[in-house]
C-alpha cells in the first residue's frame, strides 16, 4: 500500500474547497487541543476541556478541517431584521451542505471523515439552560490559523472581521496544521461592548481570553428576536471595524451605525427593511 502524501491531499482538499466556493479553509491537528503550541498567548486547557476535543467526539480524528463562509456586510447592517434572519439561515444551510460534501469527498478517497453541524443545539431554550454546545467551531478556527479572538468573543478574520460563520470536518487523515499567526486583529475599540443592547460584553479588558460575556443575557435577547422573526441580533459583529470587507463595500466609517447625519440614505434603507416581515419595526434595539 502506497504511503499517503499528506501535502498532496491537503492541496486536493483546498482545490475541492475552491470548487465548492468555500472562501476560508484551515487545518488543525488534534494535538493542538491536547498540547497547544507554546507560542499561543493563552492557556487553552482552561477553556477547552477534554470532553470538547475532536478526538473525544470522533476518536479516529487526526485533523480538523475548518471551513468558513462570509456574511455580506450590507445585509448584516439591517440587523436585527428579517433580511439578516434569512441570510443567517442560508449561510448555515450552505455550511452544513458543503461540510457534508467535503467529508464525503474525503471518505470516498479512503479517509473516513465526518462533518460537525454549524450549530450544536436544538433551540435557544436549550442555551438558556446550558449555554454550551458539544464542539466549538470558533476555537477550531483559531487553532487552524484562521484568525484571532476579539473582545466580542467572536473570531476575527483579516478579510471579513467577525462576519464569518464556521463549521468543521473531522478526518482520519494526518495533515500538517496551518500556522497560527498570533496577530491580535482586535482594535480594542470597545465598539461591540458599547453597542450591545443587553450589556453582555465587558467594557474593561480582562486577562481571560476569550473575554467573559453574559451568555444568558445574549441568549435571552436571541429568544425574543426569534419570536419576532428577526434573529439573530448581529449588532456586535456589524459594528466591528475589522475586516477588508469594509473597504470592499465602502463601509470604512463605523460611526454610520450610531450617527444619522451624513449617512441618511443608509439609515433610510435599513429602516425600510425593518418595517416589513417581522413583528417589530424600525427599532434598532
C-alpha atoms as a PDB file:
ATOM      1  CA  UNK A   1       0.000   0.000   0.000  1.00  0.00           C
ATOM      2  CA  UNK A   2       1.394   3.371  -1.007  1.00  0.00           C
ATOM      3  CA  UNK A   3       2.008   5.875   1.802  1.00  0.00           C
ATOM      4  CA  UNK A   4      -0.345   8.842   1.961  1.00  0.00           C
ATOM      5  CA  UNK A   5       1.113  12.044   0.525  1.00  0.00           C
ATOM      6  CA  UNK A   6      -0.386  14.480   3.042  1.00  0.00           C
ATOM      7  CA  UNK A   7       0.839  17.592   1.239  1.00  0.00           C
ATOM      8  CA  UNK A   8      -0.804  16.453  -1.988  1.00  0.00           C
ATOM      9  CA  UNK A   9      -4.047  15.594  -0.218  1.00  0.00           C
ATOM     10  CA  UNK A  10      -4.067  18.940   1.541  1.00  0.00           C
ATOM     11  CA  UNK A  11      -3.730  20.597  -1.852  1.00  0.00           C
ATOM     12  CA  UNK A  12      -6.605  18.480  -3.191  1.00  0.00           C
ATOM     13  CA  UNK A  13      -8.792  19.495  -0.253  1.00  0.00           C
ATOM     14  CA  UNK A  14      -8.067  23.180  -0.894  1.00  0.00           C
ATOM     15  CA  UNK A  15      -8.888  22.696  -4.572  1.00  0.00           C
ATOM     16  CA  UNK A  16     -12.157  20.980  -3.660  1.00  0.00           C
ATOM     17  CA  UNK A  17     -12.992  23.871  -1.339  1.00  0.00           C
ATOM     18  CA  UNK A  18     -12.330  26.261  -4.207  1.00  0.00           C
ATOM     19  CA  UNK A  19     -14.633  24.223  -6.439  1.00  0.00           C
ATOM     20  CA  UNK A  20     -17.312  24.362  -3.746  1.00  0.00           C
ATOM     21  CA  UNK A  21     -16.806  28.154  -3.434  1.00  0.00           C
ATOM     22  CA  UNK A  22     -15.637  27.892   0.164  1.00  0.00           C
ATOM     23  CA  UNK A  23     -13.581  31.063   0.738  1.00  0.00           C
ATOM     24  CA  UNK A  24     -11.908  30.046   4.008  1.00  0.00           C
ATOM     25  CA  UNK A  25     -10.253  26.760   4.945  1.00  0.00           C
ATOM     26  CA  UNK A  26      -7.739  25.868   7.641  1.00  0.00           C
ATOM     27  CA  UNK A  27      -6.182  22.724   9.121  1.00  0.00           C
ATOM     28  CA  UNK A  28      -5.589  21.868  12.781  1.00  0.00           C
ATOM     29  CA  UNK A  29      -4.054  18.589  14.023  1.00  0.00           C
ATOM     30  CA  UNK A  30      -5.848  17.207  17.086  1.00  0.00           C
ATOM     31  CA  UNK A  31      -2.631  17.555  19.096  1.00  0.00           C
ATOM     32  CA  UNK A  32      -3.308  21.289  19.230  1.00  0.00           C
ATOM     33  CA  UNK A  33      -6.248  20.631  21.548  1.00  0.00           C
ATOM     34  CA  UNK A  34      -4.282  18.360  23.853  1.00  0.00           C
ATOM     35  CA  UNK A  35      -0.941  20.183  23.616  1.00  0.00           C
ATOM     36  CA  UNK A  36      -1.449  23.762  22.409  1.00  0.00           C
ATOM     37  CA  UNK A  37       1.609  25.249  20.670  1.00  0.00           C
ATOM     38  CA  UNK A  38       3.890  27.010  23.126  1.00  0.00           C
ATOM     39  CA  UNK A  39       3.698  30.282  21.210  1.00  0.00           C
ATOM     40  CA  UNK A  40      -0.017  30.637  21.899  1.00  0.00           C
ATOM     41  CA  UNK A  41      -0.631  33.621  24.190  1.00  0.00           C
ATOM     42  CA  UNK A  42      -3.397  31.892  26.163  1.00  0.00           C
ATOM     43  CA  UNK A  43      -3.814  28.715  28.191  1.00  0.00           C
ATOM     44  CA  UNK A  44      -6.178  26.599  26.123  1.00  0.00           C
ATOM     45  CA  UNK A  45      -6.574  23.995  28.850  1.00  0.00           C
ATOM     46  CA  UNK A  46      -8.773  26.374  30.830  1.00  0.00           C
ATOM     47  CA  UNK A  47     -11.318  26.838  28.075  1.00  0.00           C
ATOM     48  CA  UNK A  48     -11.253  23.646  26.030  1.00  0.00           C
ATOM     49  CA  UNK A  49     -11.880  20.781  28.467  1.00  0.00           C
ATOM     50  CA  UNK A  50     -11.000  17.274  27.141  1.00  0.00           C
ATOM     51  CA  UNK A  51     -14.613  16.266  26.503  1.00  0.00           C
ATOM     52  CA  UNK A  52     -14.834  19.062  23.909  1.00  0.00           C
ATOM     53  CA  UNK A  53     -11.764  17.923  21.979  1.00  0.00           C
ATOM     54  CA  UNK A  54     -12.437  16.496  18.483  1.00  0.00           C
ATOM     55  CA  UNK A  55     -10.736  13.195  19.371  1.00  0.00           C
ATOM     56  CA  UNK A  56     -13.169  12.846  22.285  1.00  0.00           C
ATOM     57  CA  UNK A  57     -16.130  13.177  19.913  1.00  0.00           C
ATOM     58  CA  UNK A  58     -14.835  11.110  16.978  1.00  0.00           C
ATOM     59  CA  UNK A  59     -11.891   9.133  18.418  1.00  0.00           C
ATOM     60  CA  UNK A  60     -10.384   8.416  14.996  1.00  0.00           C
ATOM     61  CA  UNK A  61      -9.910  12.120  14.277  1.00  0.00           C
ATOM     62  CA  UNK A  62      -6.380  13.134  13.383  1.00  0.00           C
ATOM     63  CA  UNK A  63      -7.030  16.514  11.735  1.00  0.00           C
ATOM     64  CA  UNK A  64      -9.823  19.065  11.881  1.00  0.00           C
ATOM     65  CA  UNK A  65     -10.565  20.846   8.622  1.00  0.00           C
ATOM     66  CA  UNK A  66     -12.319  24.145   9.339  1.00  0.00           C
ATOM     67  CA  UNK A  67     -14.286  25.957   6.636  1.00  0.00           C
ATOM     68  CA  UNK A  68     -15.834  29.413   6.724  1.00  0.00           C
ATOM     69  CA  UNK A  69     -18.490  31.309   4.765  1.00  0.00           C
ATOM     70  CA  UNK A  70     -18.672  35.089   4.825  1.00  0.00           C
ATOM     71  CA  UNK A  71     -21.698  37.144   5.867  1.00  0.00           C
ATOM     72  CA  UNK A  72     -22.221  40.085   3.468  1.00  0.00           C
ATOM     73  CA  UNK A  73     -21.937  43.322   5.442  1.00  0.00           C
ATOM     74  CA  UNK A  74     -24.715  45.337   3.703  1.00  0.00           C
ATOM     75  CA  UNK A  75     -27.284  42.677   4.631  1.00  0.00           C
ATOM     76  CA  UNK A  76     -25.974  42.385   8.187  1.00  0.00           C
ATOM     77  CA  UNK A  77     -26.309  46.157   8.560  1.00  0.00           C
ATOM     78  CA  UNK A  78     -30.102  45.826   8.547  1.00  0.00           C
ATOM     79  CA  UNK A  79     -29.970  43.624  11.658  1.00  0.00           C
ATOM     80  CA  UNK A  80     -31.990  42.844  13.557  1.00  0.00           C
ATOM     81  CA  UNK A  81     -34.303  42.209  10.598  1.00  0.00           C
ATOM     82  CA  UNK A  82     -35.990  39.514   8.527  1.00  0.00           C
ATOM     83  CA  UNK A  83     -33.328  40.142   5.864  1.00  0.00           C
ATOM     84  CA  UNK A  84     -30.446  39.144   8.140  1.00  0.00           C
ATOM     85  CA  UNK A  85     -32.586  36.373   9.626  1.00  0.00           C
ATOM     86  CA  UNK A  86     -32.930  34.784   6.196  1.00  0.00           C
ATOM     87  CA  UNK A  87     -29.253  35.331   5.353  1.00  0.00           C
ATOM     88  CA  UNK A  88     -28.191  33.633   8.584  1.00  0.00           C
ATOM     89  CA  UNK A  89     -30.320  30.600   7.807  1.00  0.00           C
ATOM     90  CA  UNK A  90     -28.975  30.472   4.257  1.00  0.00           C
ATOM     91  CA  UNK A  91     -25.329  30.593   5.347  1.00  0.00           C
ATOM     92  CA  UNK A  92     -25.956  27.900   7.958  1.00  0.00           C
ATOM     93  CA  UNK A  93     -27.551  25.606   5.381  1.00  0.00           C
ATOM     94  CA  UNK A  94     -24.723  26.211   2.904  1.00  0.00           C
ATOM     95  CA  UNK A  95     -22.126  25.409   5.572  1.00  0.00           C
ATOM     96  CA  UNK A  96     -23.808  22.149   6.518  1.00  0.00           C
ATOM     97  CA  UNK A  97     -24.153  21.048   2.905  1.00  0.00           C
ATOM     98  CA  UNK A  98     -20.586  21.921   1.953  1.00  0.00           C
ATOM     99  CA  UNK A  99     -19.128  20.338   5.085  1.00  0.00           C
ATOM    100  CA  UNK A 100     -21.094  17.181   4.329  1.00  0.00           C
ATOM    101  CA  UNK A 101     -19.852  17.190   0.733  1.00  0.00           C
ATOM    102  CA  UNK A 102     -16.255  17.696   1.834  1.00  0.00           C
ATOM    103  CA  UNK A 103     -16.426  14.885   4.400  1.00  0.00           C
ATOM    104  CA  UNK A 104     -17.927  12.603   1.739  1.00  0.00           C
ATOM    105  CA  UNK A 105     -15.160  13.614  -0.699  1.00  0.00           C
ATOM    106  CA  UNK A 106     -12.522  12.536   1.834  1.00  0.00           C
ATOM    107  CA  UNK A 107     -14.318   9.337   2.814  1.00  0.00           C
ATOM    108  CA  UNK A 108     -14.632   8.282  -0.826  1.00  0.00           C
ATOM    109  CA  UNK A 109     -10.868   8.721  -1.126  1.00  0.00           C
ATOM    110  CA  UNK A 110     -10.401   6.175   1.638  1.00  0.00           C
ATOM    111  CA  UNK A 111     -10.071   8.580   4.571  1.00  0.00           C
ATOM    112  CA  UNK A 112     -13.147   8.232   6.822  1.00  0.00           C
ATOM    113  CA  UNK A 113     -14.396  11.696   7.751  1.00  0.00           C
ATOM    114  CA  UNK A 114     -17.467  13.217   9.397  1.00  0.00           C
ATOM    115  CA  UNK A 115     -18.811  16.752   9.458  1.00  0.00           C
ATOM    116  CA  UNK A 116     -19.969  18.665  12.514  1.00  0.00           C
ATOM    117  CA  UNK A 117     -23.103  20.834  12.116  1.00  0.00           C
ATOM    118  CA  UNK A 118     -22.510  24.579  12.307  1.00  0.00           C
ATOM    119  CA  UNK A 119     -24.788  24.741  15.422  1.00  0.00           C
ATOM    120  CA  UNK A 120     -24.988  22.074  18.077  1.00  0.00           C
ATOM    121  CA  UNK A 121     -28.223  22.920  19.854  1.00  0.00           C
ATOM    122  CA  UNK A 122     -31.889  22.258  19.131  1.00  0.00           C
ATOM    123  CA  UNK A 123     -33.416  25.527  20.292  1.00  0.00           C
ATOM    124  CA  UNK A 124     -32.480  28.756  22.027  1.00  0.00           C
ATOM    125  CA  UNK A 125     -34.278  27.485  25.151  1.00  0.00           C
ATOM    126  CA  UNK A 126     -31.557  24.835  25.490  1.00  0.00           C
ATOM    127  CA  UNK A 127     -28.843  27.512  25.535  1.00  0.00           C
ATOM    128  CA  UNK A 128     -30.663  29.360  28.291  1.00  0.00           C
ATOM    129  CA  UNK A 129     -30.313  26.258  30.477  1.00  0.00           C
ATOM    130  CA  UNK A 130     -26.774  25.370  29.357  1.00  0.00           C
ATOM    131  CA  UNK A 131     -25.020  27.952  27.121  1.00  0.00           C
ATOM    132  CA  UNK A 132     -22.615  25.436  25.560  1.00  0.00           C
ATOM    133  CA  UNK A 133     -22.565  23.161  22.527  1.00  0.00           C
ATOM    134  CA  UNK A 134     -20.654  19.903  22.172  1.00  0.00           C
ATOM    135  CA  UNK A 135     -17.937  21.431  19.963  1.00  0.00           C
ATOM    136  CA  UNK A 136     -16.628  24.954  19.374  1.00  0.00           C
ATOM    137  CA  UNK A 137     -16.004  25.885  15.738  1.00  0.00           C
ATOM    138  CA  UNK A 138     -14.539  29.270  16.647  1.00  0.00           C
ATOM    139  CA  UNK A 139     -11.850  27.642  18.779  1.00  0.00           C
ATOM    140  CA  UNK A 140     -11.177  25.176  15.973  1.00  0.00           C
ATOM    141  CA  UNK A 141     -10.854  28.068  13.521  1.00  0.00           C
ATOM    142  CA  UNK A 142      -8.393  29.746  15.867  1.00  0.00           C
ATOM    143  CA  UNK A 143      -6.299  26.567  16.127  1.00  0.00           C
ATOM    144  CA  UNK A 144      -6.454  26.247  12.327  1.00  0.00           C
ATOM    145  CA  UNK A 145      -4.835  29.676  11.963  1.00  0.00           C
ATOM    146  CA  UNK A 146      -7.856  31.474  10.528  1.00  0.00           C
ATOM    147  CA  UNK A 147      -7.946  34.449  12.894  1.00  0.00           C
ATOM    148  CA  UNK A 148      -7.832  35.807  16.441  1.00  0.00           C
ATOM    149  CA  UNK A 149     -10.412  36.401  19.120  1.00  0.00           C
ATOM    150  CA  UNK A 150     -11.991  39.809  19.559  1.00  0.00           C
ATOM    151  CA  UNK A 151     -13.404  41.413  22.685  1.00  0.00           C
ATOM    152  CA  UNK A 152     -16.844  40.468  21.341  1.00  0.00           C
ATOM    153  CA  UNK A 153     -15.942  36.794  21.989  1.00  0.00           C
ATOM    154  CA  UNK A 154     -16.073  36.081  18.235  1.00  0.00           C
ATOM    155  CA  UNK A 155     -13.233  35.035  15.937  1.00  0.00           C
ATOM    156  CA  UNK A 156     -11.921  37.881  13.783  1.00  0.00           C
ATOM    157  CA  UNK A 157     -10.524  37.240  10.304  1.00  0.00           C
ATOM    158  CA  UNK A 158      -8.425  39.574   8.131  1.00  0.00           C
ATOM    159  CA  UNK A 159     -10.864  39.554   5.211  1.00  0.00           C
ATOM    160  CA  UNK A 160     -14.242  39.687   6.943  1.00  0.00           C
ATOM    161  CA  UNK A 161     -13.560  40.550  10.562  1.00  0.00           C
ATOM    162  CA  UNK A 162     -16.154  38.680  12.685  1.00  0.00           C
ATOM    163  CA  UNK A 163     -18.573  38.400   9.753  1.00  0.00           C
ATOM    164  CA  UNK A 164     -17.842  34.721   9.099  1.00  0.00           C
ATOM    165  CA  UNK A 165     -19.628  31.513  10.053  1.00  0.00           C
ATOM    166  CA  UNK A 166     -17.582  28.333  10.583  1.00  0.00           C
ATOM    167  CA  UNK A 167     -18.033  24.589  10.660  1.00  0.00           C
ATOM    168  CA  UNK A 168     -15.640  21.658  10.899  1.00  0.00           C
ATOM    169  CA  UNK A 169     -14.820  18.295   9.358  1.00  0.00           C
ATOM    170  CA  UNK A 170     -13.150  15.601  11.469  1.00  0.00           C
ATOM    171  CA  UNK A 171     -10.912  13.414   9.325  1.00  0.00           C
ATOM    172  CA  UNK A 172      -8.694  10.400   9.945  1.00  0.00           C
ATOM    173  CA  UNK A 173      -6.091  11.975   7.672  1.00  0.00           C
ATOM    174  CA  UNK A 174      -2.939  13.201   9.355  1.00  0.00           C
ATOM    175  CA  UNK A 175      -2.318  16.586   7.763  1.00  0.00           C
ATOM    176  CA  UNK A 176       0.120  19.354   8.595  1.00  0.00           C
ATOM    177  CA  UNK A 177      -1.532  22.159  10.510  1.00  0.00           C
ATOM    178  CA  UNK A 178      -1.642  25.691   9.181  1.00  0.00           C
ATOM    179  CA  UNK A 179       0.485  28.232  11.056  1.00  0.00           C
ATOM    180  CA  UNK A 180      -1.195  30.234  13.799  1.00  0.00           C
ATOM    181  CA  UNK A 181      -0.209  33.856  13.055  1.00  0.00           C
ATOM    182  CA  UNK A 182      -0.594  35.045  16.626  1.00  0.00           C
ATOM    183  CA  UNK A 183      -1.569  38.545  15.477  1.00  0.00           C
ATOM    184  CA  UNK A 184      -4.213  40.344  17.513  1.00  0.00           C
ATOM    185  CA  UNK A 185      -6.682  41.625  14.919  1.00  0.00           C
ATOM    186  CA  UNK A 186      -8.906  43.258  17.540  1.00  0.00           C
ATOM    187  CA  UNK A 187      -8.514  47.045  17.693  1.00  0.00           C
ATOM    188  CA  UNK A 188      -9.813  47.074  21.300  1.00  0.00           C
ATOM    189  CA  UNK A 189     -12.137  49.951  20.381  1.00  0.00           C
ATOM    190  CA  UNK A 190     -14.896  48.515  22.617  1.00  0.00           C
ATOM    191  CA  UNK A 191     -17.500  49.396  19.977  1.00  0.00           C
ATOM    192  CA  UNK A 192     -19.027  45.925  20.365  1.00  0.00           C
ATOM    193  CA  UNK A 193     -19.472  46.416  24.111  1.00  0.00           C
ATOM    194  CA  UNK A 194     -20.824  49.953  23.798  1.00  0.00           C
ATOM    195  CA  UNK A 195     -23.441  48.931  21.237  1.00  0.00           C
ATOM    196  CA  UNK A 196     -24.591  45.683  22.858  1.00  0.00           C
ATOM    197  CA  UNK A 197     -28.311  46.153  23.660  1.00  0.00           C
ATOM    198  CA  UNK A 198     -28.131  43.918  26.749  1.00  0.00           C
ATOM    199  CA  UNK A 199     -24.650  44.868  28.004  1.00  0.00           C
ATOM    200  CA  UNK A 200     -23.464  41.278  27.610  1.00  0.00           C
ATOM    201  CA  UNK A 201     -19.873  42.304  26.859  1.00  0.00           C
ATOM    202  CA  UNK A 202     -17.287  43.652  29.281  1.00  0.00           C
ATOM    203  CA  UNK A 203     -16.367  47.334  28.925  1.00  0.00           C
ATOM    204  CA  UNK A 204     -12.995  46.670  30.539  1.00  0.00           C
ATOM    205  CA  UNK A 205     -10.347  44.375  29.123  1.00  0.00           C
ATOM    206  CA  UNK A 206      -9.617  41.329  31.266  1.00  0.00           C
ATOM    207  CA  UNK A 207      -6.814  38.802  31.341  1.00  0.00           C
ATOM    208  CA  UNK A 208      -9.212  35.992  30.440  1.00  0.00           C
ATOM    209  CA  UNK A 209      -9.398  35.127  26.764  1.00  0.00           C
ATOM    210  CA  UNK A 210     -11.777  34.993  25.099  1.00  0.00           C
ATOM    211  CA  UNK A 211     -13.036  37.715  27.441  1.00  0.00           C
ATOM    212  CA  UNK A 212     -16.056  36.893  29.614  1.00  0.00           C
ATOM    213  CA  UNK A 213     -19.532  37.638  28.353  1.00  0.00           C
ATOM    214  CA  UNK A 214     -23.042  37.269  29.729  1.00  0.00           C
ATOM    215  CA  UNK A 215     -24.196  34.369  27.566  1.00  0.00           C
ATOM    216  CA  UNK A 216     -27.572  34.127  29.284  1.00  0.00           C
ATOM    217  CA  UNK A 217     -28.455  37.757  28.541  1.00  0.00           C
ATOM    218  CA  UNK A 218     -27.326  37.267  24.941  1.00  0.00           C
ATOM    219  CA  UNK A 219     -29.412  34.085  24.584  1.00  0.00           C
ATOM    220  CA  UNK A 220     -32.424  35.737  26.212  1.00  0.00           C
ATOM    221  CA  UNK A 221     -32.329  38.531  23.633  1.00  0.00           C
ATOM    222  CA  UNK A 222     -31.975  35.943  20.871  1.00  0.00           C
ATOM    223  CA  UNK A 223     -35.078  34.166  22.159  1.00  0.00           C
ATOM    224  CA  UNK A 224     -37.094  37.383  21.953  1.00  0.00           C
ATOM    225  CA  UNK A 225     -35.781  38.222  18.492  1.00  0.00           C
ATOM    226  CA  UNK A 226     -36.565  34.712  17.280  1.00  0.00           C
ATOM    227  CA  UNK A 227     -40.187  35.106  18.341  1.00  0.00           C
ATOM    228  CA  UNK A 228     -40.245  38.351  16.349  1.00  0.00           C
ATOM    229  CA  UNK A 229     -38.704  36.652  13.251  1.00  0.00           C
ATOM    230  CA  UNK A 230     -35.679  38.940  13.274  1.00  0.00           C
ATOM    231  CA  UNK A 231     -32.982  36.877  14.936  1.00  0.00           C
ATOM    232  CA  UNK A 232     -30.039  36.739  15.382  1.00  0.00           C
ATOM    233  CA  UNK A 233     -29.021  40.082  16.871  1.00  0.00           C
ATOM    234  CA  UNK A 234     -25.814  40.676  14.898  1.00  0.00           C
ATOM    235  CA  UNK A 235     -25.037  44.124  16.309  1.00  0.00           C
ATOM    236  CA  UNK A 236     -21.651  43.304  17.871  1.00  0.00           C
ATOM    237  CA  UNK A 237     -20.333  41.919  14.582  1.00  0.00           C
ATOM    238  CA  UNK A 238     -21.704  44.617  12.298  1.00  0.00           C
ATOM    239  CA  UNK A 239     -20.154  47.486  14.278  1.00  0.00           C
ATOM    240  CA  UNK A 240     -16.715  45.825  14.395  1.00  0.00           C
ATOM    241  CA  UNK A 241     -14.196  47.859  12.342  1.00  0.00           C
ATOM    242  CA  UNK A 242     -12.008  44.850  11.495  1.00  0.00           C
ATOM    243  CA  UNK A 243     -12.101  43.294   8.031  1.00  0.00           C
ATOM    244  CA  UNK A 244     -11.204  44.049   4.424  1.00  0.00           C
ATOM    245  CA  UNK A 245     -14.902  43.724   3.559  1.00  0.00           C
ATOM    246  CA  UNK A 246     -15.379  47.242   4.916  1.00  0.00           C
ATOM    247  CA  UNK A 247     -13.259  48.530   2.064  1.00  0.00           C
ATOM    248  CA  UNK A 248     -14.952  46.226  -0.440  1.00  0.00           C
ATOM    249  CA  UNK A 249     -18.401  47.545   0.466  1.00  0.00           C
ATOM    250  CA  UNK A 250     -17.147  51.087   1.172  1.00  0.00           C
ATOM    251  CA  UNK A 251     -18.165  50.994   4.824  1.00  0.00           C
ATOM    252  CA  UNK A 252     -14.982  52.327   6.386  1.00  0.00           C
ATOM    253  CA  UNK A 253     -16.699  54.562   8.957  1.00  0.00           C
ATOM    254  CA  UNK A 254     -18.411  52.525  11.657  1.00  0.00           C
ATOM    255  CA  UNK A 255     -19.888  55.742  13.069  1.00  0.00           C
ATOM    256  CA  UNK A 256     -22.539  55.305  10.376  1.00  0.00           C
ATOM    257  CA  UNK A 257     -24.357  52.891  12.672  1.00  0.00           C
ATOM    258  CA  UNK A 258     -24.788  55.349  15.530  1.00  0.00           C
ATOM    259  CA  UNK A 259     -24.892  58.662  13.631  1.00  0.00           C
ATOM    260  CA  UNK A 260     -27.560  59.549  11.095  1.00  0.00           C
ATOM    261  CA  UNK A 261     -26.053  62.808   9.844  1.00  0.00           C
ATOM    262  CA  UNK A 262     -24.166  62.180   6.636  1.00  0.00           C
ATOM    263  CA  UNK A 263     -25.495  58.632   6.400  1.00  0.00           C
ATOM    264  CA  UNK A 264     -29.174  59.342   5.818  1.00  0.00           C
ATOM    265  CA  UNK A 265     -29.530  57.104   2.755  1.00  0.00           C
ATOM    266  CA  UNK A 266     -28.222  54.095   4.665  1.00  0.00           C
ATOM    267  CA  UNK A 267     -30.497  54.622   7.656  1.00  0.00           C
ATOM    268  CA  UNK A 268     -33.481  55.047   5.345  1.00  0.00           C
ATOM    269  CA  UNK A 269     -32.636  51.749   3.645  1.00  0.00           C
ATOM    270  CA  UNK A 270     -32.252  49.887   6.945  1.00  0.00           C
ATOM    271  CA  UNK A 271     -35.481  51.326   8.313  1.00  0.00           C
ATOM    272  CA  UNK A 272     -37.341  50.304   5.170  1.00  0.00           C
ATOM    273  CA  UNK A 273     -36.189  46.687   5.589  1.00  0.00           C
ATOM    274  CA  UNK A 274     -37.076  46.640   9.290  1.00  0.00           C
ATOM    275  CA  UNK A 275     -40.623  47.828   8.613  1.00  0.00           C
ATOM    276  CA  UNK A 276     -41.563  44.562   6.965  1.00  0.00           C
ATOM    277  CA  UNK A 277     -41.562  40.822   7.585  1.00  0.00           C
ATOM    278  CA  UNK A 278     -41.227  40.758  11.372  1.00  0.00           C
ATOM    279  CA  UNK A 279     -43.216  41.708  14.450  1.00  0.00           C
ATOM    280  CA  UNK A 280     -41.014  44.692  15.315  1.00  0.00           C
ATOM    281  CA  UNK A 281     -40.488  47.668  13.077  1.00  0.00           C
ATOM    282  CA  UNK A 282     -37.604  50.131  12.643  1.00  0.00           C
ATOM    283  CA  UNK A 283     -36.327  49.962  16.224  1.00  0.00           C
ATOM    284  CA  UNK A 284     -32.554  49.488  16.299  1.00  0.00           C
ATOM    285  CA  UNK A 285     -32.531  47.575  19.554  1.00  0.00           C
END
